[in-house]
């Protein structure tokens, strides 16, 4: 999940946003929320299929998910599974 969050953040120029700013915290928190939503959808019990790590960590998937990070906080981020069904 943390690797996925870092992949999402890779598409933002965090240095120019400036650490300890509201915008910086917003972007980081929203990326974490997206990764957590995917964790809930893809990382199941040990008896289920393993999570599709190649997909979850891919640049293309991160690019798609990153578009969900806007100026406003998401109240209930959806997982990428819902867009792939």
Protein backbone atom coordinates (compact mmCIF):
# COMPACT_ATOMS: atom_id res chain seq x y z
CA UNK A 1 0.00 0.00 0.00
CA UNK A 2 2.81 2.42 0.78
CA UNK A 3 4.52 1.67 -2.51
CA UNK A 4 1.28 2.42 -4.31
CA UNK A 5 0.98 5.71 -2.42
CA UNK A 6 4.51 6.65 -3.44
CA UNK A 7 3.72 5.80 -7.07
CA UNK A 8 0.69 8.11 -6.90
CA UNK A 9 2.76 10.90 -5.36
CA UNK A 10 5.42 10.47 -8.03
CA UNK A 11 3.17 12.40 -10.41
CA UNK A 12 3.15 15.55 -8.25
CA UNK A 13 5.91 18.11 -7.90
CA UNK A 14 5.86 17.98 -4.11
CA UNK A 15 8.97 20.11 -3.85
CA UNK A 16 7.25 23.04 -5.58
CA UNK A 17 4.12 22.55 -3.48
CA UNK A 18 6.29 22.97 -0.39
CA UNK A 19 6.30 20.70 2.61
CA UNK A 20 4.23 21.66 5.62
CA UNK A 21 1.68 23.46 3.47
CA UNK A 22 -2.01 22.67 3.32
CA UNK A 23 -1.71 21.71 -0.36
CA UNK A 24 1.11 19.27 0.40
CA UNK A 25 -0.83 17.60 3.20
CA UNK A 26 -3.93 17.47 1.00
CA UNK A 27 -2.14 15.67 -1.86
CA UNK A 28 -0.45 13.18 0.47
CA UNK A 29 -3.66 12.40 2.36
CA UNK A 30 -5.69 11.98 -0.83
CA UNK A 31 -3.06 9.62 -2.28
CA UNK A 32 -3.17 7.59 0.94
CA UNK A 33 -6.97 7.45 0.78
CA UNK A 34 -6.86 6.08 -2.77
CA UNK A 35 -4.30 3.45 -1.80
CA UNK A 36 -6.38 2.50 1.24
CA UNK A 37 -9.50 2.14 -0.94
CA UNK A 38 -7.55 -0.23 -3.20
CA UNK A 39 -6.29 -2.12 -0.17
CA UNK A 40 -9.86 -2.70 0.94
CA UNK A 41 -10.85 -3.91 -2.53
CA UNK A 42 -7.83 -5.94 -3.58
CA UNK A 43 -6.05 -7.17 -0.45
CA UNK A 44 -8.43 -9.76 0.87
CA UNK A 45 -8.12 -12.68 3.20
CA UNK A 46 -5.33 -15.17 2.67
CA UNK A 47 -7.70 -17.64 0.99
CA UNK A 48 -8.51 -15.26 -1.84
CA UNK A 49 -6.46 -14.52 -4.93
CA UNK A 50 -3.33 -12.47 -4.27
CA UNK A 51 -3.61 -8.74 -4.98
CA UNK A 52 -2.66 -7.72 -8.54
CA UNK A 53 0.53 -5.94 -7.51
CA UNK A 54 1.75 -5.50 -11.07
CA UNK A 55 -1.41 -3.50 -11.81
CA UNK A 56 -1.54 -1.62 -8.51
CA UNK A 57 2.08 -0.47 -8.80
CA UNK A 58 2.04 0.32 -12.52
CA UNK A 59 2.57 3.86 -13.80
CA UNK A 60 -0.52 3.65 -16.00
CA UNK A 61 -2.77 2.69 -13.07
CA UNK A 62 -1.26 5.45 -10.92
CA UNK A 63 -1.85 7.96 -13.72
CA UNK A 64 -5.51 6.94 -13.88
CA UNK A 65 -5.99 7.06 -10.12
CA UNK A 66 -4.07 10.33 -9.74
CA UNK A 67 -6.78 12.08 -11.79
CA UNK A 68 -9.11 11.54 -8.83
CA UNK A 69 -7.04 13.85 -6.65
CA UNK A 70 -8.58 17.27 -7.00
CA UNK A 71 -8.70 20.46 -5.01
CA UNK A 72 -11.35 19.15 -2.63
CA UNK A 73 -11.06 16.26 -0.23
CA UNK A 74 -12.76 13.04 -1.24
CA UNK A 75 -15.26 11.85 1.32
CA UNK A 76 -15.41 8.27 0.07
CA UNK A 77 -12.69 7.39 -2.44
CA UNK A 78 -13.58 4.46 -4.64
CA UNK A 79 -11.22 1.65 -5.43
CA UNK A 80 -9.83 1.05 -8.87
CA UNK A 81 -11.72 -2.23 -8.90
CA UNK A 82 -15.01 -0.45 -9.47
CA UNK A 83 -13.67 1.19 -12.62
CA UNK A 84 -12.33 -2.14 -13.93
CA UNK A 85 -15.48 -4.25 -13.44
